[in-house]
Amino acid sequence: MILALAILAAAAAPTGTAQTAAPEPARMGQAVLRATVPVYPGATEAPIAVGESLQANGVPMNVQSFMTNDPPRKVLDFYKAEFGKWHLPMLGNGQIEGGRFPYPSITVFDELNEVEISVVTIPSPDGHTMVLLARADMRPIREDLQHAEEGRYGGLPVYPNGQSPAAVMFTDGEVKRVQVTFDTVDAPAKVLAFYASAFTRAGATPQAAPEGVLAFRFGGGSWRISTAFDAPSHRTVVSALRTDASGARSAQAEVPWGR
């Protein structure tokens, strides 16, 4: 829906008007859009950039438009065949139903680069078709979801291969604690290496700890990560304890995790 609103707004915006923007990484940008999405053979003009970049509800995107005398179905059949070569998940079949937009469209999802690429066709009463090509950066949405997920666990980064996570938050006098537990098929050493890297990037200070345990201090609080291998189930049980002095700042403020 976010992408739909932004693209429809782009359709009404004047084309060919450059906007000043900071240099974009290689995974985004008008040049990347031109390089990855082929030009439609029946276009009556070269695609025109709709500004340098757009943003809707925190989702950056690049949009280009062109006109053609061909009907929407023919345009979308061309792009559907092209996108099919990429072997990526596709949404929409060129009809209004089942797509993201109130116009015939198709969208593919590039999970590796965390982008969506869409083609939207807007027919006009005179028989021409406006075509919008869009490349949307979905990384901010993923990062927002990850940040919210970490907030559930006292700011502890979510272990990629962890299962059955649980968190208990409690106060003991002037001390606040968060106890997080989960299990994983990964070996204890792999789990500890992940958290050692995360805490080091965040600037936390390592503390002395016994084998199989990590301890870090940050500001007014500390984290202690311990692991235990359960032989019968061949799984590693992980326990993470965060301790904060009363009134300490939030985990997100103290430990930004270097994302």
Protein backbone atom coordinates (compact mmCIF):
# COMPACT_ATOMS: atom_id res chain seq x y z
CA MET A 1 0.00 0.00 0.00
CA ILE A 2 2.88 2.36 0.81
CA LEU A 3 4.47 1.74 -2.56
CA ALA A 4 1.11 2.08 -4.31
CA LEU A 5 0.47 5.54 -2.86
CA ALA A 6 3.94 6.75 -3.75
CA ILE A 7 3.80 5.53 -7.33
CA LEU A 8 0.37 7.02 -7.91
CA ALA A 9 1.67 10.31 -6.55
CA ALA A 10 4.58 10.03 -8.94
CA ALA A 11 2.21 9.62 -11.86
CA ALA A 12 0.78 13.05 -11.15
CA ALA A 13 4.19 14.69 -10.60
CA PRO A 14 5.92 16.61 -13.41
CA THR A 15 8.45 14.36 -15.14
CA GLY A 16 11.98 15.31 -16.03
CA THR A 17 12.38 17.59 -13.01
CA ALA A 18 15.65 16.81 -11.26
CA GLN A 19 15.81 16.96 -7.48
CA THR A 20 18.97 17.27 -5.45
CA ALA A 21 19.72 14.07 -3.55
CA ALA A 22 22.65 12.57 -1.70
CA PRO A 23 24.65 9.93 -3.56
CA GLU A 24 22.81 6.61 -3.45
CA PRO A 25 24.33 3.19 -2.86
CA ALA A 26 24.65 0.86 -5.82
CA ARG A 27 21.54 -1.11 -4.86
CA MET A 28 19.34 1.96 -5.41
CA GLY A 29 19.26 4.96 -7.75
CA GLN A 30 17.97 5.95 -11.19
CA ALA A 31 21.06 4.45 -12.83
CA VAL A 32 20.41 1.11 -11.13
CA LEU A 33 16.76 1.20 -12.21
CA ARG A 34 17.76 1.88 -15.81
CA ALA A 35 20.37 -0.87 -15.74
CA THR A 36 18.12 -3.55 -14.29
CA VAL A 37 14.73 -2.95 -15.94
CA PRO A 38 14.80 -3.20 -19.75
CA VAL A 39 13.26 -0.51 -21.93
CA TYR A 40 9.93 -1.54 -23.43
CA PRO A 41 10.33 -1.97 -27.21
CA GLY A 42 7.05 -0.18 -27.93
CA ALA A 43 7.84 2.92 -25.84
CA THR A 44 7.27 6.17 -27.74
CA GLU A 45 9.92 7.87 -25.62
CA ALA A 46 12.81 6.94 -23.37
CA PRO A 47 11.92 6.50 -19.69
CA ILE A 48 12.01 9.81 -17.80
CA ALA A 49 13.10 9.98 -14.17
CA VAL A 50 10.38 11.22 -11.81
CA GLY A 51 12.76 13.29 -9.73
CA GLU A 52 16.00 11.76 -8.54
CA SER A 53 14.32 9.86 -5.73
CA LEU A 54 11.04 9.69 -3.82
CA GLN A 55 10.13 8.59 -0.33
CA ALA A 56 6.82 7.45 1.12
CA ASN A 57 6.40 6.57 4.80
CA GLY A 58 10.12 5.94 5.13
CA VAL A 59 10.42 3.81 1.98
CA PRO A 60 12.93 5.29 -0.51
CA MET A 61 12.25 4.57 -4.17
CA ASN A 62 13.19 5.49 -7.70
CA VAL A 63 10.49 5.94 -10.34
CA GLN A 64 10.62 6.40 -14.11
CA SER A 65 7.78 6.85 -16.59
CA PHE A 66 7.21 6.55 -20.32
CA MET A 67 4.32 6.49 -22.78
CA THR A 68 3.33 3.83 -25.29
CA ASN A 69 0.55 3.29 -27.81
CA ASP A 70 0.23 -0.35 -26.73
CA PRO A 71 -2.45 -1.55 -24.27
CA PRO A 72 -1.51 -2.42 -20.67
CA ARG A 73 -1.82 -6.16 -21.27
CA LYS A 74 0.86 -6.13 -23.98
CA VAL A 75 3.23 -4.05 -21.86
CA LEU A 76 2.83 -6.29 -18.82
CA ASP A 77 3.23 -9.47 -20.86
CA PHE A 78 6.62 -8.15 -21.96
CA TYR A 79 7.77 -7.36 -18.42
CA LYS A 80 6.30 -10.55 -17.02
CA ALA A 81 8.46 -12.53 -19.46
CA GLU A 82 11.52 -10.44 -18.58
CA PHE A 83 10.98 -10.76 -14.84
CA GLY A 84 10.42 -14.48 -15.23
CA LYS A 85 14.07 -14.80 -16.26
CA TRP A 86 15.08 -13.51 -12.83
CA HIS A 87 13.34 -16.38 -11.02
CA LEU A 88 12.07 -14.07 -8.27
CA PRO A 89 8.72 -14.20 -6.42
CA MET A 90 6.12 -12.25 -8.39
CA LEU A 91 2.90 -10.54 -7.27
CA GLY A 92 0.12 -9.76 -9.74
CA ASN A 93 -0.64 -11.23 -13.13
CA GLY A 94 -1.14 -8.00 -15.02
CA GLN A 95 -4.70 -7.59 -13.81
CA ILE A 96 -5.96 -5.16 -11.19
CA GLU A 97 -6.99 -8.04 -8.92
CA GLY A 98 -4.17 -9.55 -6.91
CA GLY A 99 -1.68 -6.75 -7.46
CA ARG A 100 -0.49 -3.86 -5.31
CA PHE A 101 -2.10 -1.06 -7.29
CA PRO A 102 -5.51 0.09 -8.57
CA TYR A 103 -4.12 -0.32 -12.11
CA PRO A 104 -2.84 -3.40 -13.97
CA SER A 105 0.62 -4.17 -12.59
CA ILE A 106 3.22 -6.73 -11.63
CA THR A 107 5.80 -6.66 -8.82
CA VAL A 108 8.84 -8.84 -8.17
CA PHE A 109 10.65 -9.22 -4.85
CA ASP A 110 14.46 -9.26 -4.77
CA GLU A 111 15.10 -10.49 -1.23
CA LEU A 112 18.89 -10.54 -1.66
CA ASN A 113 19.03 -6.79 -2.33
CA GLU A 114 15.90 -6.04 -0.26
CA VAL A 115 14.10 -4.24 -3.09
CA GLU A 116 10.76 -4.45 -4.87
CA ILE A 117 10.54 -3.74 -8.59
CA SER A 118 7.15 -2.86 -10.04
CA VAL A 119 5.63 -2.03 -13.41
CA VAL A 120 2.32 -0.15 -13.31
CA THR A 121 0.27 0.62 -16.43
CA ILE A 122 -2.21 3.50 -16.45
CA PRO A 123 -4.47 3.60 -19.52
CA SER A 124 -5.71 6.96 -20.80
CA PRO A 125 -9.00 7.74 -22.62
CA ASP A 126 -7.12 8.49 -25.87
CA GLY A 127 -5.84 4.92 -26.06
CA HIS A 128 -2.29 5.60 -24.87
CA THR A 129 -0.75 3.99 -21.80
CA MET A 130 1.46 5.60 -19.17
CA VAL A 131 3.93 3.11 -17.72
CA LEU A 132 5.63 3.57 -14.35
CA LEU A 133 8.77 1.62 -13.45
CA ALA A 134 9.62 1.65 -9.75
CA ARG A 135 12.40 0.28 -7.56
CA ALA A 136 11.57 0.47 -3.84
CA ASP A 137 14.06 0.02 -1.00
CA MET A 138 12.39 -2.27 1.55
CA ARG A 139 15.37 -2.33 3.93
CA PRO A 140 14.04 0.47 6.20
CA ILE A 141 10.84 -1.51 6.79
CA ARG A 142 12.82 -4.62 7.64
CA GLU A 143 15.08 -2.64 9.98
CA ASP A 144 12.09 -1.05 11.72
CA LEU A 145 10.58 -4.49 12.28
CA GLN A 146 13.93 -5.79 13.56
CA HIS A 147 14.27 -2.81 15.92
CA ALA A 148 10.77 -3.46 17.29
CA GLU A 149 11.58 -7.15 17.72
CA GLU A 150 14.78 -6.35 19.62
CA GLY A 151 12.80 -4.00 21.85
CA ARG A 152 10.76 -6.97 23.04
CA TYR A 153 13.96 -8.55 24.37
CA GLY A 154 15.48 -5.62 26.22
CA GLY A 155 17.50 -4.55 23.17
CA LEU A 156 19.23 -7.93 22.73
CA PRO A 157 19.89 -8.53 19.01
CA VAL A 158 17.71 -11.38 17.78
CA TYR A 159 19.85 -14.43 17.04
CA PRO A 160 19.27 -15.37 13.36
CA ASN A 161 18.79 -19.09 13.99
CA GLY A 162 17.18 -18.88 17.42
CA GLN A 163 13.90 -20.60 18.26
CA SER A 164 11.30 -20.32 21.04
CA PRO A 165 12.52 -16.97 22.40
CA ALA A 166 11.03 -15.75 25.67
CA ALA A 167 11.67 -12.68 27.79
CA VAL A 168 10.83 -11.87 31.40
CA MET A 169 11.27 -8.33 32.70
CA PHE A 170 11.27 -7.66 36.44
CA THR A 171 12.40 -5.13 39.05
CA ASP A 172 14.32 -5.97 42.18
CA GLY A 173 14.46 -2.87 44.34
CA GLU A 174 16.34 -0.26 42.31
CA VAL A 175 17.65 -2.81 39.82
CA LYS A 176 15.83 -3.69 36.61
CA ARG A 177 16.48 -6.98 34.85
CA VAL A 178 15.54 -8.65 31.58
CA GLN A 179 15.99 -12.41 31.24
CA VAL A 180 15.93 -13.70 27.66
CA THR A 181 16.09 -17.39 26.76
CA PHE A 182 16.00 -19.28 23.47
CA ASP A 183 17.44 -22.41 21.89
CA THR A 184 19.15 -23.14 18.59
CA VAL A 185 20.68 -25.98 16.61
CA ASP A 186 23.90 -23.96 16.33
CA ALA A 187 26.91 -24.77 18.49
CA PRO A 188 27.57 -22.64 21.60
CA ALA A 189 30.73 -21.20 20.06
CA LYS A 190 28.78 -19.86 17.07
CA VAL A 191 26.20 -18.19 19.32
CA LEU A 192 28.87 -16.59 21.49
CA ALA A 193 30.78 -15.38 18.42
CA PHE A 194 27.62 -13.68 17.10
CA TYR A 195 27.02 -11.80 20.34
CA ALA A 196 30.69 -10.97 20.89
CA SER A 197 30.68 -9.27 17.49
CA ALA A 198 27.38 -7.46 18.14
CA PHE A 199 28.43 -6.09 21.52
CA THR A 200 31.89 -5.11 20.29
CA ARG A 201 30.41 -3.17 17.34
CA ALA A 202 28.09 -1.43 19.80
CA GLY A 203 31.03 -0.22 21.88
CA ALA A 204 30.22 -2.23 24.99
CA THR A 205 33.13 -3.09 27.30
CA PRO A 206 33.97 -6.79 27.72
CA GLN A 207 34.17 -8.14 31.26
CA ALA A 208 35.88 -11.20 32.72
CA ALA A 209 33.67 -14.29 32.47
CA PRO A 210 34.07 -18.08 32.71
CA GLU A 211 34.27 -20.29 29.63
CA GLY A 212 31.02 -20.46 27.69
CA VAL A 213 29.87 -17.08 29.03
CA LEU A 214 30.07 -13.53 27.65
CA ALA A 215 29.85 -10.46 29.85
CA PHE A 216 29.67 -6.86 28.66
CA ARG A 217 29.09 -3.53 30.38
CA PHE A 218 27.55 -0.43 28.84
CA GLY A 219 26.73 2.80 30.63
CA GLY A 220 24.63 1.96 33.67
CA GLY A 221 23.95 -1.64 32.74
CA SER A 222 25.39 -4.98 31.69
CA TRP A 223 24.64 -8.11 29.65
CA ARG A 224 25.66 -11.66 30.56
CA ILE A 225 25.20 -14.35 27.87
CA SER A 226 25.57 -18.02 28.81
CA THR A 227 25.16 -21.16 26.74
CA ALA A 228 24.60 -24.82 27.57
CA PHE A 229 24.60 -27.70 25.08
CA ASP A 230 21.76 -30.19 25.58
CA ALA A 231 23.10 -33.51 24.30
CA PRO A 232 19.78 -35.44 24.07
CA SER A 233 18.19 -32.81 21.79
CA HIS A 234 21.48 -31.73 20.15
CA ARG A 235 20.51 -28.11 20.78
CA THR A 236 22.13 -25.15 22.50
CA VAL A 237 20.16 -23.39 25.22
CA VAL A 238 20.99 -19.68 25.49
CA SER A 239 20.29 -17.44 28.47
CA ALA A 240 20.89 -13.67 28.35
CA LEU A 241 20.53 -11.49 31.44
CA ARG A 242 20.45 -7.72 31.21
CA THR A 243 20.85 -5.74 34.45
CA ASP A 244 20.23 -1.99 34.70
CA ALA A 245 20.52 0.42 37.57
CA SER A 246 17.24 2.24 38.25
CA GLY A 247 16.78 5.15 35.87
CA ALA A 248 19.30 3.88 33.32
CA ARG A 249 18.58 4.77 29.73
CA SER A 250 16.95 2.31 27.36
CA ALA A 251 18.95 -0.40 25.63
CA GLN A 252 18.39 1.26 22.28
CA ALA A 253 19.88 4.51 23.60
CA GLU A 254 22.81 2.89 25.41
CA VAL A 255 23.63 0.20 22.85
CA PRO A 256 22.78 1.12 19.23
CA TRP A 257 24.19 -2.22 17.96
CA GLY A 258 26.03 -0.51 15.10
CA ARG A 259 23.34 -1.09 12.48
